[in-house]
Structure formats: structure tokens, C-alpha cells
């Protein structure tokens, strides 16, 4: 889960990133990136899933998958940006955590927030 300090919480901030941020899309996920001027530099995130994704259970699941994927990449991302991850399409297009993680990794590389040559973040075992 992304900690509360790293979330875009006001509707104004989310709207600003959605309208002025640079968009990168692949499959069912769109990522909008806007530089921020926070001191010290840090990234903040928001997750949006519209009603076209499905009922509330599917929308919440899609956002949860995206949050978990971002949580793994957060320490390696270039700081100083606001990111809004928008899930579109249907819930079936985002079936597993691995699919969400792969799509988000490619989008972060395309947005130049994640260096392309780095190995993937190690997966933690549930009993660790």
C-alpha cells in the first residue's frame, strides 16, 4: 500500500495532473506525470478507475493492483513528480499483479522516471 504522505489527496491536485500532465498509455492503464516543486523532492500518486472498468469490486481491485505495483517501484523512481494512474477498459484486461506490474514498468520507463537497465525489484515472499 502506498503510504498516506505519498498520495495526491485533494481533487484539485488530481485534476491538475490529469489536465496538465504528460500522458503515457498502454493497454488498460494510462499514466499522467507532472513535475512538482515539493521540498524535499518526492513523488505523489493517485489511482483512478472509472465506471467502465466494472462494478465497485472490479474498480477497487484494479486500483489495488496498481497501488501494489507502484509500491515496488517507488524507491527507484526519479523524485519530484505527481503521478495519476488511470485504469480504463474492463477489469479482465488487468487479470493479475504481474500483468499490472509489467505494464506500469514499461510506462515508467517511457516516462523516464525509471532507468530502463535496472533489474526488477525483488519479490518478497509472504512469510518474510
Protein backbone atom coordinates (compact mmCIF):
# COMPACT_ATOMS: atom_id res chain seq x y z
CA UNK A 1 0.00 0.00 0.00
CA UNK A 2 1.25 3.48 -0.83
CA UNK A 3 1.65 5.48 2.38
CA UNK A 4 -0.68 8.39 3.04
CA UNK A 5 2.06 11.03 2.70
CA UNK A 6 2.69 9.89 -0.88
CA UNK A 7 -0.89 10.27 -2.10
CA UNK A 8 -2.48 13.10 -4.05
CA UNK A 9 -5.46 13.67 -1.81
CA UNK A 10 -7.16 16.84 -2.98
CA UNK A 11 -9.39 16.75 -6.03
CA UNK A 12 -7.75 19.96 -7.28
CA UNK A 13 -4.29 18.32 -7.39
CA UNK A 14 -5.61 15.25 -9.20
CA UNK A 15 -7.45 17.39 -11.76
CA UNK A 16 -4.36 19.50 -12.30
CA UNK A 17 -2.19 16.44 -13.03
CA UNK A 18 -4.87 14.93 -15.27
CA UNK A 19 -5.23 18.12 -17.31
CA UNK A 20 -1.62 19.35 -17.47
CA UNK A 21 0.41 16.16 -17.05
CA UNK A 22 2.10 14.28 -19.87
CA UNK A 23 0.20 11.10 -20.72
CA UNK A 24 1.62 7.66 -21.46
CA UNK A 25 -0.74 4.80 -22.22
CA UNK A 26 -0.51 1.08 -22.72
CA UNK A 27 -3.41 -1.33 -22.71
CA UNK A 28 -5.76 -0.70 -19.80
CA UNK A 29 -3.52 1.80 -17.95
CA UNK A 30 -2.81 5.48 -18.60
CA UNK A 31 -0.23 7.29 -16.52
CA UNK A 32 -0.16 11.09 -16.29
CA UNK A 33 3.03 12.70 -14.98
CA UNK A 34 3.50 16.29 -13.84
CA UNK A 35 6.64 17.64 -12.12
CA UNK A 36 6.00 19.09 -8.66
CA UNK A 37 8.01 21.53 -6.59
CA UNK A 38 7.92 19.77 -3.22
CA UNK A 39 10.88 20.14 -0.90
CA UNK A 40 12.46 17.67 -0.41
CA UNK A 41 11.60 16.21 -3.83
CA UNK A 42 9.16 13.33 -3.59
CA UNK A 43 6.64 11.57 -5.78
CA UNK A 44 2.92 11.56 -5.04
CA UNK A 45 0.35 9.20 -6.52
CA UNK A 46 -3.37 8.94 -7.25
CA UNK A 47 -5.27 5.98 -8.69
CA UNK A 48 -8.46 6.37 -10.72
CA UNK A 49 -10.77 3.72 -12.18
CA UNK A 50 -13.94 4.83 -13.96
CA UNK A 51 -17.25 3.04 -14.01
CA UNK A 52 -16.45 1.48 -17.39
CA UNK A 53 -13.94 -0.77 -15.62
CA UNK A 54 -16.81 -2.53 -13.85
CA UNK A 55 -18.66 -2.53 -10.59
CA UNK A 56 -17.02 -1.25 -7.41
CA UNK A 57 -15.39 -4.60 -6.66
CA UNK A 58 -13.59 -4.64 -10.02
CA UNK A 59 -12.64 -0.96 -9.81
CA UNK A 60 -11.19 -1.35 -6.33
CA UNK A 61 -9.30 -4.49 -7.34
CA UNK A 62 -7.78 -2.72 -10.36
CA UNK A 63 -6.67 0.21 -8.22
CA UNK A 64 -5.25 -2.16 -5.58
CA UNK A 65 -3.19 -3.97 -8.24
CA UNK A 66 -1.80 -0.65 -9.48
CA UNK A 67 -1.01 0.56 -5.95
CA UNK A 68 0.89 -2.62 -5.19
CA UNK A 69 2.87 -2.37 -8.44
CA UNK A 70 3.80 1.28 -7.78
CA UNK A 71 4.85 0.42 -4.23
CA UNK A 72 7.59 -1.84 -5.62
CA UNK A 73 8.91 0.81 -8.00
CA UNK A 74 8.61 3.88 -5.73
CA UNK A 75 12.12 3.69 -4.17
CA UNK A 76 13.77 3.60 -7.61
CA UNK A 77 11.73 6.34 -9.31
CA UNK A 78 13.15 9.77 -10.08
CA UNK A 79 11.73 12.04 -7.31
CA UNK A 80 9.74 15.24 -7.78
CA UNK A 81 6.67 14.16 -9.77
CA UNK A 82 2.94 13.77 -9.29
CA UNK A 83 1.54 10.65 -10.98
CA UNK A 84 -2.07 9.74 -11.68
CA UNK A 85 -2.65 6.16 -12.80
CA UNK A 86 -5.93 5.77 -14.66
CA UNK A 87 -7.37 2.32 -15.25
CA UNK A 88 -9.59 2.14 -18.31
CA UNK A 89 -11.21 -0.66 -20.25
CA UNK A 90 -12.55 -3.71 -18.45
CA UNK A 91 -11.30 -5.48 -15.35
CA UNK A 92 -10.49 -8.58 -17.42
CA UNK A 93 -7.70 -6.65 -19.17
CA UNK A 94 -5.80 -6.44 -15.87
CA UNK A 95 -6.08 -10.03 -14.57
CA UNK A 96 -3.05 -10.34 -12.29
CA UNK A 97 -0.49 -8.38 -10.32
CA UNK A 98 2.27 -9.46 -12.71
CA UNK A 99 0.43 -8.02 -15.72
CA UNK A 100 -0.17 -4.71 -13.92
CA UNK A 101 3.44 -4.56 -12.78
CA UNK A 102 4.82 -5.22 -16.28
CA UNK A 103 2.60 -2.56 -17.88
CA UNK A 104 3.43 0.02 -15.21
CA UNK A 105 7.15 -0.71 -15.51
CA UNK A 106 7.05 -0.07 -19.27
CA UNK A 107 5.07 3.14 -18.73
CA UNK A 108 7.51 4.41 -16.07
CA UNK A 109 10.46 3.72 -18.39
CA UNK A 110 8.67 5.53 -21.21
CA UNK A 111 8.00 8.50 -18.89
CA UNK A 112 11.74 8.47 -17.98
CA UNK A 113 11.04 8.03 -14.30
CA UNK A 114 12.61 4.58 -14.08
CA UNK A 115 16.00 3.76 -15.62
CA UNK A 116 15.49 1.04 -18.29
CA UNK A 117 18.53 -1.09 -17.48
CA UNK A 118 17.76 -1.83 -13.83
CA UNK A 119 16.78 -5.33 -12.80
CA UNK A 120 13.24 -5.75 -11.48
CA UNK A 121 12.61 -5.18 -7.79
CA UNK A 122 12.91 -8.40 -5.81
CA UNK A 123 9.62 -10.05 -4.95
CA UNK A 124 9.06 -10.52 -1.23
CA UNK A 125 7.75 -13.82 -0.01
CA UNK A 126 4.52 -13.64 2.02
CA UNK A 127 6.13 -15.26 5.08
CA UNK A 128 9.13 -12.87 5.18
